[in-house]
Amino acid sequence: MADTTILKGVLKTWKDDRGFGFIQPDNGDKDIFVHISSLKGMARRPVRGDVLFYEVARDTGGKLKAVNARIEGVAYEQKSAKPKIWLWLLAVLLGLVSAAVAAYFL
């Protein structure tokens, strides 16, 4: 379970090709692992030297890792409001049924 305390640190190392790095916490604790999946929704990928805000959790092996992380000064990506394909299919189907019913009664 994640600790609800928000911590701050600097991204000390980052391996962009592998999607992970280590944060040097401001409080002087040991460096903490961070995976790209912990930075969901950020408008850009992290780079060395970024200030990160994060929570701490344990992975399945019991090691500490950063979760729910965000990069200071970087906005979240805006999700485009793309309609689901099934809505389009439903609209087309209803249109065809309506046209068939109208043709039958005319």
PDB file of N, CA and C in Angstrom:
ATOM      1  N   MET A   1       0.845  -1.183   0.000  1.00  0.00           N
ATOM      2  CA  MET A   1       0.000   0.000   0.000  1.00  0.00           C
ATOM      3  C   MET A   1       0.885   1.240   0.000  1.00  0.00           C
ATOM      4  N   ALA A   2       0.524   2.236  -0.798  1.00  0.00           N
ATOM      5  CA  ALA A   2       1.346   3.431  -0.932  1.00  0.00           C
ATOM      6  C   ALA A   2       1.227   4.326   0.302  1.00  0.00           C
ATOM      7  N   ASP A   3       2.365   4.910   0.667  1.00  0.00           N
ATOM      8  CA  ASP A   3       2.381   5.907   1.733  1.00  0.00           C
ATOM      9  C   ASP A   3       1.729   7.165   1.162  1.00  0.00           C
ATOM     10  N   THR A   4       0.882   7.814   1.917  1.00  0.00           N
ATOM     11  CA  THR A   4       0.175   8.982   1.387  1.00  0.00           C
ATOM     12  C   THR A   4       0.988  10.267   1.500  1.00  0.00           C
ATOM     13  N   THR A   5       2.188  10.194   2.078  1.00  0.00           N
ATOM     14  CA  THR A   5       3.045  11.364   2.181  1.00  0.00           C
ATOM     15  C   THR A   5       3.652  11.667   0.815  1.00  0.00           C
ATOM     16  N   ILE A   6       3.539  12.917   0.385  1.00  0.00           N
ATOM     17  CA  ILE A   6       4.140  13.343  -0.882  1.00  0.00           C
ATOM     18  C   ILE A   6       5.573  13.768  -0.594  1.00  0.00           C
ATOM     19  N   LEU A   7       6.500  13.134  -1.287  1.00  0.00           N
ATOM     20  CA  LEU A   7       7.913  13.436  -1.130  1.00  0.00           C
ATOM     21  C   LEU A   7       8.415  14.185  -2.361  1.00  0.00           C
ATOM     22  N   LYS A   8       9.571  14.808  -2.209  1.00  0.00           N
ATOM     23  CA  LYS A   8      10.169  15.577  -3.295  1.00  0.00           C
ATOM     24  C   LYS A   8      11.611  15.135  -3.454  1.00  0.00           C
ATOM     25  N   GLY A   9      12.064  15.084  -4.708  1.00  0.00           N
ATOM     26  CA  GLY A   9      13.448  14.724  -4.968  1.00  0.00           C
ATOM     27  C   GLY A   9      13.840  15.105  -6.380  1.00  0.00           C
ATOM     28  N   VAL A  10      15.102  14.889  -6.686  1.00  0.00           N
ATOM     29  CA  VAL A  10      15.641  15.202  -8.017  1.00  0.00           C
ATOM     30  C   VAL A  10      15.939  13.901  -8.739  1.00  0.00           C
ATOM     31  N   LEU A  11      15.569  13.846 -10.003  1.00  0.00           N
ATOM     32  CA  LEU A  11      15.855  12.667 -10.811  1.00  0.00           C
ATOM     33  C   LEU A  11      17.358  12.626 -11.065  1.00  0.00           C
ATOM     34  N   LYS A  12      18.018  11.711 -10.381  1.00  0.00           N
ATOM     35  CA  LYS A  12      19.474  11.616 -10.398  1.00  0.00           C
ATOM     36  C   LYS A  12      19.968  10.906 -11.652  1.00  0.00           C
ATOM     37  N   THR A  13      19.306   9.820 -12.006  1.00  0.00           N
ATOM     38  CA  THR A  13      19.651   9.084 -13.227  1.00  0.00           C
ATOM     39  C   THR A  13      18.370   8.732 -13.962  1.00  0.00           C
ATOM     40  N   TRP A  14      18.460   8.625 -15.279  1.00  0.00           N
ATOM     41  CA  TRP A  14      17.302   8.214 -16.082  1.00  0.00           C
ATOM     42  C   TRP A  14      17.777   7.475 -17.317  1.00  0.00           C
ATOM     43  N   LYS A  15      17.288   6.264 -17.509  1.00  0.00           N
ATOM     44  CA  LYS A  15      17.592   5.452 -18.690  1.00  0.00           C
ATOM     45  C   LYS A  15      16.333   5.449 -19.549  1.00  0.00           C
ATOM     46  N   ASP A  16      16.259   6.411 -20.465  1.00  0.00           N
ATOM     47  CA  ASP A  16      15.042   6.591 -21.256  1.00  0.00           C
ATOM     48  C   ASP A  16      14.717   5.365 -22.098  1.00  0.00           C
ATOM     49  N   ASP A  17      15.748   4.687 -22.614  1.00  0.00           N
ATOM     50  CA  ASP A  17      15.514   3.509 -23.447  1.00  0.00           C
ATOM     51  C   ASP A  17      14.922   2.352 -22.644  1.00  0.00           C
ATOM     52  N   ARG A  18      15.104   2.369 -21.331  1.00  0.00           N
ATOM     53  CA  ARG A  18      14.571   1.309 -20.483  1.00  0.00           C
ATOM     54  C   ARG A  18      13.412   1.782 -19.611  1.00  0.00           C
ATOM     55  N   GLY A  19      13.174   3.096 -19.573  1.00  0.00           N
ATOM     56  CA  GLY A  19      12.011   3.639 -18.880  1.00  0.00           C
ATOM     57  C   GLY A  19      12.094   3.647 -17.367  1.00  0.00           C
ATOM     58  N   PHE A  20      13.299   3.799 -16.819  1.00  0.00           N
ATOM     59  CA  PHE A  20      13.401   3.882 -15.374  1.00  0.00           C
ATOM     60  C   PHE A  20      14.611   4.706 -14.964  1.00  0.00           C
ATOM     61  N   GLY A  21      14.631   5.062 -13.685  1.00  0.00           N
ATOM     62  CA  GLY A  21      15.750   5.814 -13.135  1.00  0.00           C
ATOM     63  C   GLY A  21      15.676   5.824 -11.627  1.00  0.00           C
ATOM     64  N   PHE A  22      16.443   6.744 -11.026  1.00  0.00           N
ATOM     65  CA  PHE A  22      16.493   6.841  -9.575  1.00  0.00           C
ATOM     66  C   PHE A  22      16.366   8.290  -9.139  1.00  0.00           C
ATOM     67  N   ILE A  23      15.585   8.480  -8.084  1.00  0.00           N
ATOM     68  CA  ILE A  23      15.350   9.802  -7.512  1.00  0.00           C
ATOM     69  C   ILE A  23      16.238   9.942  -6.278  1.00  0.00           C
ATOM     70  N   GLN A  24      16.892  11.097  -6.156  1.00  0.00           N
ATOM     71  CA  GLN A  24      17.627  11.439  -4.936  1.00  0.00           C
ATOM     72  C   GLN A  24      16.675  12.264  -4.075  1.00  0.00           C
ATOM     73  N   PRO A  25      16.128  11.667  -3.004  1.00  0.00           N
ATOM     74  CA  PRO A  25      15.157  12.376  -2.173  1.00  0.00           C
ATOM     75  C   PRO A  25      15.756  13.606  -1.495  1.00  0.00           C
ATOM     76  N   ASP A  26      14.957  14.651  -1.370  1.00  0.00           N
ATOM     77  CA  ASP A  26      15.386  15.875  -0.679  1.00  0.00           C
ATOM     78  C   ASP A  26      15.667  15.633   0.802  1.00  0.00           C
ATOM     79  N   ASN A  27      15.022  14.617   1.385  1.00  0.00           N
ATOM     80  CA  ASN A  27      15.178  14.369   2.820  1.00  0.00           C
ATOM     81  C   ASN A  27      16.451  13.595   3.157  1.00  0.00           C
ATOM     82  N   GLY A  28      17.274  13.270   2.156  1.00  0.00           N
ATOM     83  CA  GLY A  28      18.542  12.593   2.399  1.00  0.00           C
ATOM     84  C   GLY A  28      18.464  11.082   2.453  1.00  0.00           C
ATOM     85  N   ASP A  29      17.267  10.511   2.293  1.00  0.00           N
ATOM     86  CA  ASP A  29      17.136   9.050   2.280  1.00  0.00           C
ATOM     87  C   ASP A  29      17.870   8.473   1.064  1.00  0.00           C
ATOM     88  N   LYS A  30      17.950   7.131   1.030  1.00  0.00           N
ATOM     89  CA  LYS A  30      18.573   6.434  -0.100  1.00  0.00           C
ATOM     90  C   LYS A  30      17.818   6.737  -1.384  1.00  0.00           C
ATOM     91  N   ASP A  31      18.532   6.666  -2.501  1.00  0.00           N
ATOM     92  CA  ASP A  31      17.899   6.849  -3.808  1.00  0.00           C
ATOM     93  C   ASP A  31      16.750   5.861  -3.960  1.00  0.00           C
ATOM     94  N   ILE A  32      15.723   6.301  -4.684  1.00  0.00           N
ATOM     95  CA  ILE A  32      14.532   5.466  -4.846  1.00  0.00           C
ATOM     96  C   ILE A  32      14.246   5.237  -6.326  1.00  0.00           C
ATOM     97  N   PHE A  33      13.895   4.012  -6.646  1.00  0.00           N
ATOM     98  CA  PHE A  33      13.593   3.594  -8.014  1.00  0.00           C
ATOM     99  C   PHE A  33      12.307   4.257  -8.499  1.00  0.00           C
ATOM    100  N   VAL A  34      12.300   4.672  -9.763  1.00  0.00           N
ATOM    101  CA  VAL A  34      11.076   5.194 -10.377  1.00  0.00           C
ATOM    102  C   VAL A  34      10.960   4.618 -11.787  1.00  0.00           C
ATOM    103  N   HIS A  35       9.786   4.116 -12.127  1.00  0.00           N
ATOM    104  CA  HIS A  35       9.503   3.560 -13.453  1.00  0.00           C
ATOM    105  C   HIS A  35       8.609   4.530 -14.212  1.00  0.00           C
ATOM    106  N   ILE A  36       8.706   4.519 -15.516  1.00  0.00           N
ATOM    107  CA  ILE A  36       7.914   5.429 -16.358  1.00  0.00           C
ATOM    108  C   ILE A  36       6.416   5.266 -16.091  1.00  0.00           C
ATOM    109  N   SER A  37       5.987   4.077 -15.709  1.00  0.00           N
ATOM    110  CA  SER A  37       4.558   3.854 -15.445  1.00  0.00           C
ATOM    111  C   SER A  37       4.075   4.644 -14.231  1.00  0.00           C
ATOM    112  N   SER A  38       4.994   5.090 -13.386  1.00  0.00           N
ATOM    113  CA  SER A  38       4.622   5.911 -12.231  1.00  0.00           C
ATOM    114  C   SER A  38       4.375   7.362 -12.609  1.00  0.00           C
ATOM    115  N   LEU A  39       4.709   7.716 -13.841  1.00  0.00           N
ATOM    116  CA  LEU A  39       4.574   9.096 -14.327  1.00  0.00           C
ATOM    117  C   LEU A  39       3.478   9.200 -15.382  1.00  0.00           C
ATOM    118  N   LYS A  40       2.424   8.432 -15.227  1.00  0.00           N
ATOM    119  CA  LYS A  40       1.324   8.415 -16.205  1.00  0.00           C
ATOM    120  C   LYS A  40       0.717   9.800 -16.380  1.00  0.00           C
ATOM    121  N   GLY A  41       0.474  10.156 -17.628  1.00  0.00           N
ATOM    122  CA  GLY A  41      -0.229  11.393 -17.927  1.00  0.00           C
ATOM    123  C   GLY A  41       0.649  12.619 -18.068  1.00  0.00           C
ATOM    124  N   MET A  42       1.951  12.494 -17.832  1.00  0.00           N
ATOM    125  CA  MET A  42       2.825  13.660 -17.976  1.00  0.00           C
ATOM    126  C   MET A  42       2.949  14.029 -19.457  1.00  0.00           C
ATOM    127  N   ALA A  43       3.029  15.325 -19.736  1.00  0.00           N
ATOM    128  CA  ALA A  43       3.078  15.808 -21.112  1.00  0.00           C
ATOM    129  C   ALA A  43       4.410  15.490 -21.792  1.00  0.00           C
ATOM    130  N   ARG A  44       5.424  15.127 -21.003  1.00  0.00           N
ATOM    131  CA  ARG A  44       6.711  14.729 -21.589  1.00  0.00           C
ATOM    132  C   ARG A  44       7.356  13.690 -20.687  1.00  0.00           C
ATOM    133  N   ARG A  45       8.360  13.021 -21.242  1.00  0.00           N
ATOM    134  CA  ARG A  45       9.119  12.046 -20.466  1.00  0.00           C
ATOM    135  C   ARG A  45      10.099  12.779 -19.554  1.00  0.00           C
ATOM    136  N   PRO A  46      10.484  12.157 -18.461  1.00  0.00           N
ATOM    137  CA  PRO A  46      11.411  12.820 -17.540  1.00  0.00           C
ATOM    138  C   PRO A  46      12.826  12.887 -18.103  1.00  0.00           C
ATOM    139  N   VAL A  47      13.597  13.828 -17.585  1.00  0.00           N
ATOM    140  CA  VAL A  47      15.017  13.947 -17.926  1.00  0.00           C
ATOM    141  C   VAL A  47      15.797  14.137 -16.625  1.00  0.00           C
ATOM    142  N   ARG A  48      17.043  13.766 -16.668  1.00  0.00           N
ATOM    143  CA  ARG A  48      17.910  13.913 -15.497  1.00  0.00           C
ATOM    144  C   ARG A  48      17.868  15.359 -15.012  1.00  0.00           C
ATOM    145  N   GLY A  49      17.728  15.534 -13.702  1.00  0.00           N
ATOM    146  CA  GLY A  49      17.663  16.867 -13.118  1.00  0.00           C
ATOM    147  C   GLY A  49      16.254  17.357 -12.839  1.00  0.00           C
ATOM    148  N   ASP A  50      15.240  16.679 -13.367  1.00  0.00           N
ATOM    149  CA  ASP A  50      13.857  17.054 -13.085  1.00  0.00           C
ATOM    150  C   ASP A  50      13.571  16.921 -11.588  1.00  0.00           C
ATOM    151  N   VAL A  51      12.758  17.835 -11.071  1.00  0.00           N
ATOM    152  CA  VAL A  51      12.262  17.718  -9.694  1.00  0.00           C
ATOM    153  C   VAL A  51      10.975  16.910  -9.762  1.00  0.00           C
ATOM    154  N   LEU A  52      10.903  15.858  -8.947  1.00  0.00           N
ATOM    155  CA  LEU A  52       9.740  14.979  -8.934  1.00  0.00           C
ATOM    156  C   LEU A  52       9.056  15.021  -7.576  1.00  0.00           C
ATOM    157  N   PHE A  53       7.758  14.946  -7.599  1.00  0.00           N
ATOM    158  CA  PHE A  53       6.940  14.744  -6.409  1.00  0.00           C
ATOM    159  C   PHE A  53       6.384  13.330  -6.535  1.00  0.00           C
ATOM    160  N   TYR A  54       6.379  12.574  -5.443  1.00  0.00           N
ATOM    161  CA  TYR A  54       6.009  11.163  -5.539  1.00  0.00           C
ATOM    162  C   TYR A  54       5.597  10.618  -4.173  1.00  0.00           C
ATOM    163  N   GLU A  55       4.984   9.447  -4.209  1.00  0.00           N
ATOM    164  CA  GLU A  55       4.684   8.682  -3.009  1.00  0.00           C
ATOM    165  C   GLU A  55       5.567   7.444  -3.045  1.00  0.00           C
ATOM    166  N   VAL A  56       5.670   6.745  -1.932  1.00  0.00           N
ATOM    167  CA  VAL A  56       6.515   5.558  -1.854  1.00  0.00           C
ATOM    168  C   VAL A  56       5.657   4.326  -1.572  1.00  0.00           C
ATOM    169  N   ALA A  57       5.997   3.235  -2.263  1.00  0.00           N
ATOM    170  CA  ALA A  57       5.340   1.942  -2.041  1.00  0.00           C
ATOM    171  C   ALA A  57       6.404   0.860  -2.136  1.00  0.00           C
ATOM    172  N   ARG A  58       6.031  -0.344  -1.769  1.00  0.00           N
ATOM    173  CA  ARG A  58       6.947  -1.491  -1.908  1.00  0.00           C
ATOM    174  C   ARG A  58       6.525  -2.309  -3.117  1.00  0.00           C
ATOM    175  N   ASP A  59       7.518  -2.767  -3.891  1.00  0.00           N
ATOM    176  CA  ASP A  59       7.218  -3.647  -5.014  1.00  0.00           C
ATOM    177  C   ASP A  59       6.981  -5.057  -4.492  1.00  0.00           C
ATOM    178  N   THR A  60       6.734  -6.004  -5.382  1.00  0.00           N
ATOM    179  CA  THR A  60       6.427  -7.376  -4.961  1.00  0.00           C
ATOM    180  C   THR A  60       7.603  -8.034  -4.243  1.00  0.00           C
ATOM    181  N   GLY A  61       8.824  -7.540  -4.495  1.00  0.00           N
ATOM    182  CA  GLY A  61      10.001  -8.068  -3.813  1.00  0.00           C
ATOM    183  C   GLY A  61      10.312  -7.362  -2.514  1.00  0.00           C
ATOM    184  N   GLY A  62       9.477  -6.382  -2.143  1.00  0.00           N
ATOM    185  CA  GLY A  62       9.670  -5.672  -0.890  1.00  0.00           C
ATOM    186  C   GLY A  62      10.542  -4.429  -0.980  1.00  0.00           C
ATOM    187  N   LYS A  63      11.058  -4.128  -2.180  1.00  0.00           N
ATOM    188  CA  LYS A  63      11.903  -2.941  -2.343  1.00  0.00           C
ATOM    189  C   LYS A  63      11.035  -1.695  -2.507  1.00  0.00           C
ATOM    190  N   LEU A  64      11.565  -0.559  -2.039  1.00  0.00           N
ATOM    191  CA  LEU A  64      10.836   0.703  -2.165  1.00  0.00           C
ATOM    192  C   LEU A  64      10.896   1.221  -3.599  1.00  0.00           C
ATOM    193  N   LYS A  65       9.795   1.850  -4.013  1.00  0.00           N
ATOM    194  CA  LYS A  65       9.727   2.451  -5.345  1.00  0.00           C
ATOM    195  C   LYS A  65       8.833   3.684  -5.283  1.00  0.00           C
ATOM    196  N   ALA A  66       9.029   4.584  -6.227  1.00  0.00           N
ATOM    197  CA  ALA A  66       8.177   5.770  -6.342  1.00  0.00           C
ATOM    198  C   ALA A  66       6.904   5.392  -7.086  1.00  0.00           C
ATOM    199  N   VAL A  67       5.769   5.921  -6.622  1.00  0.00           N
ATOM    200  CA  VAL A  67       4.481   5.731  -7.295  1.00  0.00           C
ATOM    201  C   VAL A  67       3.770   7.076  -7.355  1.00  0.00           C
ATOM    202  N   ASN A  68       2.786   7.178  -8.225  1.00  0.00           N
ATOM    203  CA  ASN A  68       1.995   8.412  -8.365  1.00  0.00           C
ATOM    204  C   ASN A  68       2.904   9.634  -8.472  1.00  0.00           C
ATOM    205  N   ALA A  69       3.908   9.510  -9.320  1.00  0.00           N
ATOM    206  CA  ALA A  69       4.897  10.578  -9.458  1.00  0.00           C
ATOM    207  C   ALA A  69       4.458  11.610 -10.493  1.00  0.00           C
ATOM    208  N   ARG A  70       4.954  12.830 -10.308  1.00  0.00           N
ATOM    209  CA  ARG A  70       4.735  13.877 -11.295  1.00  0.00           C
ATOM    210  C   ARG A  70       5.982  14.747 -11.361  1.00  0.00           C
ATOM    211  N   ILE A  71       6.178  15.367 -12.512  1.00  0.00           N
ATOM    212  CA  ILE A  71       7.331  16.225 -12.739  1.00  0.00           C
ATOM    213  C   ILE A  71       6.924  17.661 -12.442  1.00  0.00           C
ATOM    214  N   GLU A  72       7.703  18.335 -11.592  1.00  0.00           N
ATOM    215  CA  GLU A  72       7.402  19.726 -11.244  1.00  0.00           C
ATOM    216  C   GLU A  72       7.401  20.590 -12.500  1.00  0.00           C
ATOM    217  N   GLY A  73       6.348  21.391 -12.658  1.00  0.00           N
ATOM    218  CA  GLY A  73       6.260  22.323 -13.778  1.00  0.00           C
ATOM    219  C   GLY A  73       5.830  21.722 -15.100  1.00  0.00           C
ATOM    220  N   VAL A  74       5.508  20.430 -15.110  1.00  0.00           N
ATOM    221  CA  VAL A  74       5.079  19.770 -16.349  1.00  0.00           C
ATOM    222  C   VAL A  74       3.596  19.442 -16.228  1.00  0.00           C
ATOM    223  N   ALA A  75       2.857  19.856 -17.233  1.00  0.00           N
ATOM    224  CA  ALA A  75       1.403  19.635 -17.224  1.00  0.00           C
ATOM    225  C   ALA A  75       1.073  18.179 -17.534  1.00  0.00           C
ATOM    226  N   TYR A  76      -0.136  17.816 -17.177  1.00  0.00           N
ATOM    227  CA  TYR A  76      -0.663  16.514 -17.578  1.00  0.00           C
ATOM    228  C   TYR A  76      -1.155  16.621 -19.012  1.00  0.00           C
ATOM    229  N   GLU A  77      -1.033  15.520 -19.763  1.00  0.00           N
ATOM    230  CA  GLU A  77      -1.541  15.483 -21.132  1.00  0.00           C
ATOM    231  C   GLU A  77      -3.056  15.599 -21.108  1.00  0.00           C
ATOM    232  N   GLN A  78      -3.571  16.327 -22.070  1.00  0.00           N
ATOM    233  CA  GLN A  78      -5.022  16.408 -22.217  1.00  0.00           C
ATOM    234  C   GLN A  78      -5.464  15.222 -23.070  1.00  0.00           C
ATOM    235  N   LYS A  79      -6.334  14.432 -22.532  1.00  0.00           N
ATOM    236  CA  LYS A  79      -6.878  13.292 -23.281  1.00  0.00           C
ATOM    237  C   LYS A  79      -7.875  13.815 -24.300  1.00  0.00           C
ATOM    238  N   SER A  80      -7.740  13.347 -25.538  1.00  0.00           N
ATOM    239  CA  SER A  80      -8.704  13.760 -26.547  1.00  0.00           C
ATOM    240  C   SER A  80     -10.004  12.996 -26.329  1.00  0.00           C
ATOM    241  N   ALA A  81     -11.089  13.651 -26.582  1.00  0.00           N
ATOM    242  CA  ALA A  81     -12.402  13.049 -26.368  1.00  0.00           C
ATOM    243  C   ALA A  81     -12.808  12.265 -27.611  1.00  0.00           C
ATOM    244  N   LYS A  82     -12.165  11.142 -27.833  1.00  0.00           N
ATOM    245  CA  LYS A  82     -12.493  10.296 -28.981  1.00  0.00           C
ATOM    246  C   LYS A  82     -13.659   9.392 -28.614  1.00  0.00           C
ATOM    247  N   PRO A  83     -14.696   9.416 -29.436  1.00  0.00           N
ATOM    248  CA  PRO A  83     -15.821   8.521 -29.147  1.00  0.00           C
ATOM    249  C   PRO A  83     -15.405   7.065 -29.321  1.00  0.00           C
ATOM    250  N   LYS A  84     -15.993   6.206 -28.559  1.00  0.00           N
ATOM    251  CA  LYS A  84     -15.710   4.783 -28.659  1.00  0.00           C
ATOM    252  C   LYS A  84     -16.300   4.253 -29.964  1.00  0.00           C
ATOM    253  N   ILE A  85     -15.631   3.283 -30.561  1.00  0.00           N
ATOM    254  CA  ILE A  85     -16.056   2.718 -31.848  1.00  0.00           C
ATOM    255  C   ILE A  85     -17.451   2.103 -31.740  1.00  0.00           C
ATOM    256  N   TRP A  86     -17.778   1.527 -30.580  1.00  0.00           N
ATOM    257  CA  TRP A  86     -19.086   0.892 -30.464  1.00  0.00           C
ATOM    258  C   TRP A  86     -20.207   1.917 -30.539  1.00  0.00           C
ATOM    259  N   LEU A  87     -19.945   3.161 -30.135  1.00  0.00           N
ATOM    260  CA  LEU A  87     -20.970   4.198 -30.254  1.00  0.00           C
ATOM    261  C   LEU A  87     -21.259   4.511 -31.719  1.00  0.00           C
ATOM    262  N   TRP A  88     -20.198   4.553 -32.519  1.00  0.00           N
ATOM    263  CA  TRP A  88     -20.383   4.789 -33.950  1.00  0.00           C
ATOM    264  C   TRP A  88     -21.145   3.635 -34.589  1.00  0.00           C
ATOM    265  N   LEU A  89     -20.794   2.416 -34.227  1.00  0.00           N
ATOM    266  CA  LEU A  89     -21.490   1.250 -34.785  1.00  0.00           C
ATOM    267  C   LEU A  89     -22.961   1.237 -34.382  1.00  0.00           C
ATOM    268  N   LEU A  90     -23.243   1.595 -33.144  1.00  0.00           N
ATOM    269  CA  LEU A  90     -24.626   1.665 -32.676  1.00  0.00           C
ATOM    270  C   LEU A  90     -25.406   2.726 -33.447  1.00  0.00           C
ATOM    271  N   ALA A  91     -24.790   3.886 -33.673  1.00  0.00           N
ATOM    272  CA  ALA A  91     -25.458   4.960 -34.412  1.00  0.00           C
ATOM    273  C   ALA A  91     -25.764   4.520 -35.847  1.00  0.00           C
ATOM    274  N   VAL A  92     -24.809   3.853 -36.486  1.00  0.00           N
ATOM    275  CA  VAL A  92     -25.021   3.370 -37.853  1.00  0.00           C
ATOM    276  C   VAL A  92     -26.127   2.324 -37.874  1.00  0.00           C
ATOM    277  N   LEU A  93     -26.095   1.400 -36.933  1.00  0.00           N
ATOM    278  CA  LEU A  93     -27.124   0.359 -36.860  1.00  0.00           C
ATOM    279  C   LEU A  93     -28.512   0.962 -36.656  1.00  0.00           C
ATOM    280  N   LEU A  94     -28.626   1.923 -35.736  1.00  0.00           N
ATOM    281  CA  LEU A  94     -29.913   2.585 -35.520  1.00  0.00           C
ATOM    282  C   LEU A  94     -30.377   3.327 -36.772  1.00  0.00           C
ATOM    283  N   GLY A  95     -29.451   3.928 -37.478  1.00  0.00           N
ATOM    284  CA  GLY A  95     -29.795   4.614 -38.730  1.00  0.00           C
ATOM    285  C   GLY A  95     -30.323   3.642 -39.768  1.00  0.00           C
ATOM    286  N   LEU A  96     -29.673   2.498 -39.887  1.00  0.00           N
ATOM    287  CA  LEU A  96     -30.115   1.490 -40.861  1.00  0.00           C
ATOM    288  C   LEU A  96     -31.492   0.927 -40.496  1.00  0.00           C
ATOM    289  N   VAL A  97     -31.684   0.659 -39.211  1.00  0.00           N
ATOM    290  CA  VAL A  97     -32.984   0.139 -38.763  1.00  0.00           C
ATOM    291  C   VAL A  97     -34.073   1.177 -39.010  1.00  0.00           C
ATOM    292  N   SER A  98     -33.777   2.446 -38.693  1.00  0.00           N
ATOM    293  CA  SER A  98     -34.761   3.514 -38.921  1.00  0.00           C
ATOM    294  C   SER A  98     -35.099   3.628 -40.403  1.00  0.00           C
ATOM    295  N   ALA A  99     -34.101   3.551 -41.255  1.00  0.00           N
ATOM    296  CA  ALA A  99     -34.331   3.649 -42.703  1.00  0.00           C
ATOM    297  C   ALA A  99     -35.158   2.455 -43.189  1.00  0.00           C
ATOM    298  N   ALA A 100     -34.888   1.274 -42.666  1.00  0.00           N
ATOM    299  CA  ALA A 100     -35.635   0.088 -43.072  1.00  0.00           C
ATOM    300  C   ALA A 100     -37.091   0.184 -42.623  1.00  0.00           C
ATOM    301  N   VAL A 101     -37.318   0.632 -41.423  1.00  0.00           N
ATOM    302  CA  VAL A 101     -38.678   0.789 -40.901  1.00  0.00           C
ATOM    303  C   VAL A 101     -39.437   1.845 -41.716  1.00  0.00           C
ATOM    304  N   ALA A 102     -38.770   2.953 -42.001  1.00  0.00           N
ATOM    305  CA  ALA A 102     -39.414   4.017 -42.786  1.00  0.00           C
ATOM    306  C   ALA A 102     -39.747   3.539 -44.183  1.00  0.00           C
ATOM    307  N   ALA A 103     -38.851   2.774 -44.805  1.00  0.00           N
ATOM    308  CA  ALA A 103     -39.091   2.263 -46.153  1.00  0.00           C
ATOM    309  C   ALA A 103     -40.231   1.243 -46.155  1.00  0.00           C
ATOM    310  N   TYR A 104     -40.361   0.465 -45.122  1.00  0.00           N
ATOM    311  CA  TYR A 104     -41.401  -0.546 -45.028  1.00  0.00           C
ATOM    312  C   TYR A 104     -42.784   0.091 -44.950  1.00  0.00           C
ATOM    313  N   PHE A 105     -42.902   1.187 -44.187  1.00  0.00           N
ATOM    314  CA  PHE A 105     -44.198   1.810 -43.965  1.00  0.00           C
ATOM    315  C   PHE A 105     -44.548   2.857 -44.994  1.00  0.00           C
ATOM    316  N   LEU A 106     -43.617   3.227 -45.867  1.00  0.00           N
ATOM    317  CA  LEU A 106     -43.943   4.242 -46.884  1.00  0.00           C
ATOM    318  C   LEU A 106     -44.432   3.635 -48.152  1.00  0.00           C
TER     319      LEU A 106
END
